[in-house]
Amino acid sequence: MAHYTKRIRDLREDRDIKQEHIAKLLGVKQTYYSRYELGKVEMPIRHLITLCKLYDVSADYILGFTDECKPLPKPYKKK
């Protein structure tokens, strides 16, 4: 689990986005989102999908199955 926690934190920080913004987007409190980044609670798949679209990266990248940070294919990009 530790691998994806670092990835979601790094992706957020690289884009200068605050936890509050991500939490609002996901429909959770900032303190709860913080627990995702700290690895204290597991993130639901629906939140993973939302973050993939927001950051334009694959779930494989966030989950650590690949280190290749490629954009999502066109049909899956955030509209």
PDB file of N, CA and C in Angstrom:
ATOM      1  N   MET A   1       0.823  -1.198   0.000  1.00  0.00           N
ATOM      2  CA  MET A   1       0.000   0.000   0.000  1.00  0.00           C
ATOM      3  C   MET A   1       0.863   1.255   0.000  1.00  0.00           C
ATOM      4  N   ALA A   2       2.026   1.200   0.556  1.00  0.00           N
ATOM      5  CA  ALA A   2       2.857   2.393   0.702  1.00  0.00           C
ATOM      6  C   ALA A   2       3.211   3.036  -0.632  1.00  0.00           C
ATOM      7  N   HIS A   3       3.320   2.237  -1.683  1.00  0.00           N
ATOM      8  CA  HIS A   3       3.730   2.789  -2.967  1.00  0.00           C
ATOM      9  C   HIS A   3       2.708   3.795  -3.503  1.00  0.00           C
ATOM     10  N   TYR A   4       1.437   3.461  -3.469  1.00  0.00           N
ATOM     11  CA  TYR A   4       0.454   4.383  -4.032  1.00  0.00           C
ATOM     12  C   TYR A   4       0.287   5.626  -3.169  1.00  0.00           C
ATOM     13  N   THR A   5       0.536   5.512  -1.871  1.00  0.00           N
ATOM     14  CA  THR A   5       0.395   6.689  -1.015  1.00  0.00           C
ATOM     15  C   THR A   5       1.417   7.757  -1.390  1.00  0.00           C
ATOM     16  N   LYS A   6       2.626   7.332  -1.676  1.00  0.00           N
ATOM     17  CA  LYS A   6       3.660   8.282  -2.104  1.00  0.00           C
ATOM     18  C   LYS A   6       3.319   8.871  -3.472  1.00  0.00           C
ATOM     19  N   ARG A   7       2.812   8.044  -4.368  1.00  0.00           N
ATOM     20  CA  ARG A   7       2.473   8.529  -5.710  1.00  0.00           C
ATOM     21  C   ARG A   7       1.374   9.580  -5.673  1.00  0.00           C
ATOM     22  N   ILE A   8       0.308   9.342  -4.881  1.00  0.00           N
ATOM     23  CA  ILE A   8      -0.779  10.329  -4.888  1.00  0.00           C
ATOM     24  C   ILE A   8      -0.330  11.629  -4.218  1.00  0.00           C
ATOM     25  N   ARG A   9       0.527  11.519  -3.233  1.00  0.00           N
ATOM     26  CA  ARG A   9       1.059  12.738  -2.600  1.00  0.00           C
ATOM     27  C   ARG A   9       1.966  13.491  -3.573  1.00  0.00           C
ATOM     28  N   ASP A  10       2.871  12.769  -4.234  1.00  0.00           N
ATOM     29  CA  ASP A  10       3.792  13.406  -5.182  1.00  0.00           C
ATOM     30  C   ASP A  10       3.043  14.055  -6.345  1.00  0.00           C
ATOM     31  N   LEU A  11       2.045  13.359  -6.891  1.00  0.00           N
ATOM     32  CA  LEU A  11       1.264  13.925  -7.998  1.00  0.00           C
ATOM     33  C   LEU A  11       0.569  15.211  -7.561  1.00  0.00           C
ATOM     34  N   ARG A  12       0.002  15.209  -6.369  1.00  0.00           N
ATOM     35  CA  ARG A  12      -0.691  16.390  -5.855  1.00  0.00           C
ATOM     36  C   ARG A  12       0.288  17.538  -5.628  1.00  0.00           C
ATOM     37  N   GLU A  13       1.394  17.251  -4.980  1.00  0.00           N
ATOM     38  CA  GLU A  13       2.377  18.295  -4.675  1.00  0.00           C
ATOM     39  C   GLU A  13       3.039  18.842  -5.937  1.00  0.00           C
ATOM     40  N   ASP A  14       3.301  17.988  -6.916  1.00  0.00           N
ATOM     41  CA  ASP A  14       3.910  18.443  -8.174  1.00  0.00           C
ATOM     42  C   ASP A  14       3.032  19.449  -8.902  1.00  0.00           C
ATOM     43  N   ARG A  15       1.739  19.373  -8.649  1.00  0.00           N
ATOM     44  CA  ARG A  15       0.790  20.283  -9.306  1.00  0.00           C
ATOM     45  C   ARG A  15       0.337  21.411  -8.378  1.00  0.00           C
ATOM     46  N   ASP A  16       0.973  21.520  -7.228  1.00  0.00           N
ATOM     47  CA  ASP A  16       0.641  22.556  -6.239  1.00  0.00           C
ATOM     48  C   ASP A  16      -0.842  22.582  -5.893  1.00  0.00           C
ATOM     49  N   ILE A  17      -1.396  21.394  -5.671  1.00  0.00           N
ATOM     50  CA  ILE A  17      -2.801  21.271  -5.291  1.00  0.00           C
ATOM     51  C   ILE A  17      -2.858  20.945  -3.802  1.00  0.00           C
ATOM     52  N   LYS A  18      -3.742  21.587  -3.097  1.00  0.00           N
ATOM     53  CA  LYS A  18      -3.896  21.339  -1.663  1.00  0.00           C
ATOM     54  C   LYS A  18      -4.779  20.116  -1.418  1.00  0.00           C
ATOM     55  N   GLN A  19      -4.561  19.478  -0.296  1.00  0.00           N
ATOM     56  CA  GLN A  19      -5.374  18.324   0.083  1.00  0.00           C
ATOM     57  C   GLN A  19      -6.852  18.692   0.135  1.00  0.00           C
ATOM     58  N   GLU A  20      -7.160  19.895   0.561  1.00  0.00           N
ATOM     59  CA  GLU A  20      -8.549  20.339   0.665  1.00  0.00           C
ATOM     60  C   GLU A  20      -9.253  20.270  -0.687  1.00  0.00           C
ATOM     61  N   HIS A  21      -8.541  20.659  -1.746  1.00  0.00           N
ATOM     62  CA  HIS A  21      -9.118  20.629  -3.094  1.00  0.00           C
ATOM     63  C   HIS A  21      -9.424  19.194  -3.521  1.00  0.00           C
ATOM     64  N   ILE A  22      -8.477  18.304  -3.297  1.00  0.00           N
ATOM     65  CA  ILE A  22      -8.673  16.902  -3.678  1.00  0.00           C
ATOM     66  C   ILE A  22      -9.805  16.293  -2.862  1.00  0.00           C
ATOM     67  N   ALA A  23      -9.826  16.576  -1.568  1.00  0.00           N
ATOM     68  CA  ALA A  23     -10.870  16.037  -0.699  1.00  0.00           C
ATOM     69  C   ALA A  23     -12.255  16.486  -1.168  1.00  0.00           C
ATOM     70  N   LYS A  24     -12.373  17.754  -1.530  1.00  0.00           N
ATOM     71  CA  LYS A  24     -13.661  18.272  -2.012  1.00  0.00           C
ATOM     72  C   LYS A  24     -14.068  17.552  -3.297  1.00  0.00           C
ATOM     73  N   LEU A  25     -13.122  17.371  -4.200  1.00  0.00           N
ATOM     74  CA  LEU A  25     -13.379  16.669  -5.453  1.00  0.00           C
ATOM     75  C   LEU A  25     -13.870  15.233  -5.200  1.00  0.00           C
ATOM     76  N   LEU A  26     -13.296  14.586  -4.200  1.00  0.00           N
ATOM     77  CA  LEU A  26     -13.650  13.199  -3.882  1.00  0.00           C
ATOM     78  C   LEU A  26     -14.877  13.093  -2.976  1.00  0.00           C
ATOM     79  N   GLY A  27     -15.288  14.223  -2.413  1.00  0.00           N
ATOM     80  CA  GLY A  27     -16.455  14.212  -1.534  1.00  0.00           C
ATOM     81  C   GLY A  27     -16.163  13.687  -0.138  1.00  0.00           C
ATOM     82  N   VAL A  28     -14.930  13.922   0.326  1.00  0.00           N
ATOM     83  CA  VAL A  28     -14.548  13.521   1.681  1.00  0.00           C
ATOM     84  C   VAL A  28     -13.934  14.726   2.391  1.00  0.00           C
ATOM     85  N   LYS A  29     -13.768  14.610   3.694  1.00  0.00           N
ATOM     86  CA  LYS A  29     -13.113  15.668   4.457  1.00  0.00           C
ATOM     87  C   LYS A  29     -11.610  15.608   4.218  1.00  0.00           C
ATOM     88  N   GLN A  30     -10.958  16.748   4.377  1.00  0.00           N
ATOM     89  CA  GLN A  30      -9.511  16.828   4.173  1.00  0.00           C
ATOM     90  C   GLN A  30      -8.776  15.860   5.092  1.00  0.00           C
ATOM     91  N   THR A  31      -9.227  15.750   6.326  1.00  0.00           N
ATOM     92  CA  THR A  31      -8.557  14.849   7.268  1.00  0.00           C
ATOM     93  C   THR A  31      -8.644  13.393   6.807  1.00  0.00           C
ATOM     94  N   TYR A  32      -9.755  13.046   6.170  1.00  0.00           N
ATOM     95  CA  TYR A  32      -9.903  11.681   5.677  1.00  0.00           C
ATOM     96  C   TYR A  32      -9.004  11.449   4.461  1.00  0.00           C
ATOM     97  N   TYR A  33      -8.956  12.443   3.551  1.00  0.00           N
ATOM     98  CA  TYR A  33      -8.058  12.307   2.400  1.00  0.00           C
ATOM     99  C   TYR A  33      -6.609  12.172   2.869  1.00  0.00           C
ATOM    100  N   SER A  34      -6.250  12.923   3.881  1.00  0.00           N
ATOM    101  CA  SER A  34      -4.897  12.849   4.429  1.00  0.00           C
ATOM    102  C   SER A  34      -4.549  11.419   4.838  1.00  0.00           C
ATOM    103  N   ARG A  35      -5.537  10.687   5.332  1.00  0.00           N
ATOM    104  CA  ARG A  35      -5.306   9.295   5.723  1.00  0.00           C
ATOM    105  C   ARG A  35      -4.971   8.416   4.523  1.00  0.00           C
ATOM    106  N   TYR A  36      -5.493   8.761   3.343  1.00  0.00           N
ATOM    107  CA  TYR A  36      -5.101   8.023   2.129  1.00  0.00           C
ATOM    108  C   TYR A  36      -3.607   8.206   1.889  1.00  0.00           C
ATOM    109  N   GLU A  37      -3.172   9.463   1.948  1.00  0.00           N
ATOM    110  CA  GLU A  37      -1.762   9.756   1.672  1.00  0.00           C
ATOM    111  C   GLU A  37      -0.831   9.178   2.736  1.00  0.00           C
ATOM    112  N   LEU A  38      -1.322   9.047   3.944  1.00  0.00           N
ATOM    113  CA  LEU A  38      -0.510   8.483   5.023  1.00  0.00           C
ATOM    114  C   LEU A  38      -0.566   6.954   5.066  1.00  0.00           C
ATOM    115  N   GLY A  39      -1.468   6.369   4.278  1.00  0.00           N
ATOM    116  CA  GLY A  39      -1.600   4.921   4.249  1.00  0.00           C
ATOM    117  C   GLY A  39      -2.367   4.358   5.429  1.00  0.00           C
ATOM    118  N   LYS A  40      -3.140   5.200   6.097  1.00  0.00           N
ATOM    119  CA  LYS A  40      -3.905   4.742   7.259  1.00  0.00           C
ATOM    120  C   LYS A  40      -5.230   4.103   6.874  1.00  0.00           C
ATOM    121  N   VAL A  41      -5.768   4.474   5.723  1.00  0.00           N
ATOM    122  CA  VAL A  41      -6.976   3.843   5.189  1.00  0.00           C
ATOM    123  C   VAL A  41      -6.773   3.593   3.702  1.00  0.00           C
ATOM    124  N   GLU A  42      -7.407   2.558   3.204  1.00  0.00           N
ATOM    125  CA  GLU A  42      -7.304   2.260   1.778  1.00  0.00           C
ATOM    126  C   GLU A  42      -8.270   3.128   0.991  1.00  0.00           C
ATOM    127  N   MET A  43      -7.826   3.543  -0.164  1.00  0.00           N
ATOM    128  CA  MET A  43      -8.621   4.407  -1.024  1.00  0.00           C
ATOM    129  C   MET A  43      -9.573   3.568  -1.869  1.00  0.00           C
ATOM    130  N   PRO A  44     -10.855   3.943  -1.925  1.00  0.00           N
ATOM    131  CA  PRO A  44     -11.806   3.212  -2.764  1.00  0.00           C
ATOM    132  C   PRO A  44     -11.460   3.363  -4.250  1.00  0.00           C
ATOM    133  N   ILE A  45     -11.836   2.377  -5.019  1.00  0.00           N
ATOM    134  CA  ILE A  45     -11.547   2.378  -6.459  1.00  0.00           C
ATOM    135  C   ILE A  45     -12.129   3.597  -7.148  1.00  0.00           C
ATOM    136  N   ARG A  46     -13.300   4.066  -6.722  1.00  0.00           N
ATOM    137  CA  ARG A  46     -13.908   5.241  -7.362  1.00  0.00           C
ATOM    138  C   ARG A  46     -13.023   6.473  -7.176  1.00  0.00           C
ATOM    139  N   HIS A  47     -12.329   6.560  -6.051  1.00  0.00           N
ATOM    140  CA  HIS A  47     -11.423   7.688  -5.821  1.00  0.00           C
ATOM    141  C   HIS A  47     -10.154   7.536  -6.658  1.00  0.00           C
ATOM    142  N   LEU A  48      -9.684   6.310  -6.795  1.00  0.00           N
ATOM    143  CA  LEU A  48      -8.528   6.053  -7.655  1.00  0.00           C
ATOM    144  C   LEU A  48      -8.837   6.487  -9.089  1.00  0.00           C
ATOM    145  N   ILE A  49     -10.005   6.131  -9.578  1.00  0.00           N
ATOM    146  CA  ILE A  49     -10.399   6.503 -10.941  1.00  0.00           C
ATOM    147  C   ILE A  49     -10.450   8.018 -11.095  1.00  0.00           C
ATOM    148  N   THR A  50     -11.020   8.695 -10.112  1.00  0.00           N
ATOM    149  CA  THR A  50     -11.097  10.158 -10.159  1.00  0.00           C
ATOM    150  C   THR A  50      -9.705  10.774 -10.195  1.00  0.00           C
ATOM    151  N   LEU A  51      -8.788  10.254  -9.382  1.00  0.00           N
ATOM    152  CA  LEU A  51      -7.427  10.792  -9.366  1.00  0.00           C
ATOM    153  C   LEU A  51      -6.692  10.505 -10.667  1.00  0.00           C
ATOM    154  N   CYS A  52      -6.931   9.345 -11.260  1.00  0.00           N
ATOM    155  CA  CYS A  52      -6.310   9.032 -12.556  1.00  0.00           C
ATOM    156  C   CYS A  52      -6.741  10.061 -13.602  1.00  0.00           C
ATOM    157  N   LYS A  53      -8.010  10.386 -13.608  1.00  0.00           N
ATOM    158  CA  LYS A  53      -8.517  11.364 -14.568  1.00  0.00           C
ATOM    159  C   LYS A  53      -7.988  12.759 -14.265  1.00  0.00           C
ATOM    160  N   LEU A  54      -7.972  13.127 -12.996  1.00  0.00           N
ATOM    161  CA  LEU A  54      -7.482  14.450 -12.606  1.00  0.00           C
ATOM    162  C   LEU A  54      -6.022  14.643 -13.007  1.00  0.00           C
ATOM    163  N   TYR A  55      -5.188  13.659 -12.683  1.00  0.00           N
ATOM    164  CA  TYR A  55      -3.753  13.769 -12.950  1.00  0.00           C
ATOM    165  C   TYR A  55      -3.359  13.275 -14.338  1.00  0.00           C
ATOM    166  N   ASP A  56      -4.312  12.703 -15.075  1.00  0.00           N
ATOM    167  CA  ASP A  56      -4.062  12.182 -16.417  1.00  0.00           C
ATOM    168  C   ASP A  56      -2.941  11.137 -16.416  1.00  0.00           C
ATOM    169  N   VAL A  57      -3.085  10.176 -15.498  1.00  0.00           N
ATOM    170  CA  VAL A  57      -2.134   9.059 -15.401  1.00  0.00           C
ATOM    171  C   VAL A  57      -2.915   7.764 -15.238  1.00  0.00           C
ATOM    172  N   SER A  58      -2.261   6.655 -15.512  1.00  0.00           N
ATOM    173  CA  SER A  58      -2.926   5.354 -15.392  1.00  0.00           C
ATOM    174  C   SER A  58      -2.972   4.900 -13.932  1.00  0.00           C
ATOM    175  N   ALA A  59      -3.911   4.030 -13.645  1.00  0.00           N
ATOM    176  CA  ALA A  59      -3.985   3.409 -12.323  1.00  0.00           C
ATOM    177  C   ALA A  59      -2.728   2.571 -12.081  1.00  0.00           C
ATOM    178  N   ASP A  60      -2.203   1.968 -13.133  1.00  0.00           N
ATOM    179  CA  ASP A  60      -0.971   1.192 -12.997  1.00  0.00           C
ATOM    180  C   ASP A  60       0.162   2.053 -12.453  1.00  0.00           C
ATOM    181  N   TYR A  61       0.223   3.300 -12.900  1.00  0.00           N
ATOM    182  CA  TYR A  61       1.271   4.202 -12.409  1.00  0.00           C
ATOM    183  C   TYR A  61       1.039   4.529 -10.933  1.00  0.00           C
ATOM    184  N   ILE A  62      -0.175   4.925 -10.593  1.00  0.00           N
ATOM    185  CA  ILE A  62      -0.460   5.273  -9.201  1.00  0.00           C
ATOM    186  C   ILE A  62      -0.224   4.080  -8.282  1.00  0.00           C
ATOM    187  N   LEU A  63      -0.632   2.901  -8.708  1.00  0.00           N
ATOM    188  CA  LEU A  63      -0.496   1.707  -7.871  1.00  0.00           C
ATOM    189  C   LEU A  63       0.918   1.139  -7.841  1.00  0.00           C
ATOM    190  N   GLY A  64       1.791   1.663  -8.695  1.00  0.00           N
ATOM    191  CA  GLY A  64       3.179   1.236  -8.676  1.00  0.00           C
ATOM    192  C   GLY A  64       3.495   0.029  -9.523  1.00  0.00           C
ATOM    193  N   PHE A  65       2.566  -0.354 -10.419  1.00  0.00           N
ATOM    194  CA  PHE A  65       2.835  -1.486 -11.306  1.00  0.00           C
ATOM    195  C   PHE A  65       3.773  -1.091 -12.438  1.00  0.00           C
ATOM    196  N   THR A  66       3.874   0.208 -12.680  1.00  0.00           N
ATOM    197  CA  THR A  66       4.798   0.727 -13.684  1.00  0.00           C
ATOM    198  C   THR A  66       5.342   2.060 -13.192  1.00  0.00           C
ATOM    199  N   ASP A  67       6.524   2.391 -13.657  1.00  0.00           N
ATOM    200  CA  ASP A  67       7.104   3.697 -13.347  1.00  0.00           C
ATOM    201  C   ASP A  67       6.939   4.653 -14.518  1.00  0.00           C
ATOM    202  N   GLU A  68       6.279   4.181 -15.573  1.00  0.00           N
ATOM    203  CA  GLU A  68       6.025   4.999 -16.756  1.00  0.00           C
ATOM    204  C   GLU A  68       4.795   5.868 -16.529  1.00  0.00           C
ATOM    205  N   CYS A  69       5.003   7.159 -16.472  1.00  0.00           N
ATOM    206  CA  CYS A  69       3.911   8.101 -16.213  1.00  0.00           C
ATOM    207  C   CYS A  69       3.398   8.642 -17.546  1.00  0.00           C
ATOM    208  N   LYS A  70       2.597   7.826 -18.223  1.00  0.00           N
ATOM    209  CA  LYS A  70       2.060   8.212 -19.525  1.00  0.00           C
ATOM    210  C   LYS A  70       0.640   8.744 -19.364  1.00  0.00           C
ATOM    211  N   PRO A  71       0.228   9.651 -20.254  1.00  0.00           N
ATOM    212  CA  PRO A  71      -1.152  10.152 -20.195  1.00  0.00           C
ATOM    213  C   PRO A  71      -2.161   9.047 -20.498  1.00  0.00           C
ATOM    214  N   LEU A  72      -3.373   9.247 -20.007  1.00  0.00           N
ATOM    215  CA  LEU A  72      -4.453   8.300 -20.290  1.00  0.00           C
ATOM    216  C   LEU A  72      -4.824   8.342 -21.767  1.00  0.00           C
ATOM    217  N   PRO A  73      -5.326   7.238 -22.299  1.00  0.00           N
ATOM    218  CA  PRO A  73      -5.853   7.268 -23.672  1.00  0.00           C
ATOM    219  C   PRO A  73      -7.029   8.247 -23.741  1.00  0.00           C
ATOM    220  N   LYS A  74      -7.265   8.828 -24.897  1.00  0.00           N
ATOM    221  CA  LYS A  74      -8.292   9.862 -25.059  1.00  0.00           C
ATOM    222  C   LYS A  74      -9.672   9.530 -24.472  1.00  0.00           C
ATOM    223  N   PRO A  75     -10.227   8.340 -24.680  1.00  0.00           N
ATOM    224  CA  PRO A  75     -11.580   8.105 -24.170  1.00  0.00           C
ATOM    225  C   PRO A  75     -11.702   8.215 -22.652  1.00  0.00           C
ATOM    226  N   TYR A  76     -10.592   8.119 -21.927  1.00  0.00           N
ATOM    227  CA  TYR A  76     -10.647   8.102 -20.470  1.00  0.00           C
ATOM    228  C   TYR A  76     -10.283   9.431 -19.835  1.00  0.00           C
ATOM    229  N   LYS A  77      -9.879  10.401 -20.610  1.00  0.00           N
ATOM    230  CA  LYS A  77      -9.472  11.681 -20.049  1.00  0.00           C
ATOM    231  C   LYS A  77     -10.666  12.429 -19.480  1.00  0.00           C
ATOM    232  N   LYS A  78     -10.378  13.263 -18.498  1.00  0.00           N
ATOM    233  CA  LYS A  78     -11.405  14.077 -17.863  1.00  0.00           C
ATOM    234  C   LYS A  78     -11.993  15.040 -18.872  1.00  0.00           C
ATOM    235  N   LYS A  79     -13.320  15.141 -18.876  1.00  0.00           N
ATOM    236  CA  LYS A  79     -13.988  16.025 -19.834  1.00  0.00           C
ATOM    237  C   LYS A  79     -14.367  17.317 -19.182  1.00  0.00           C
TER     238      LYS A  79
END
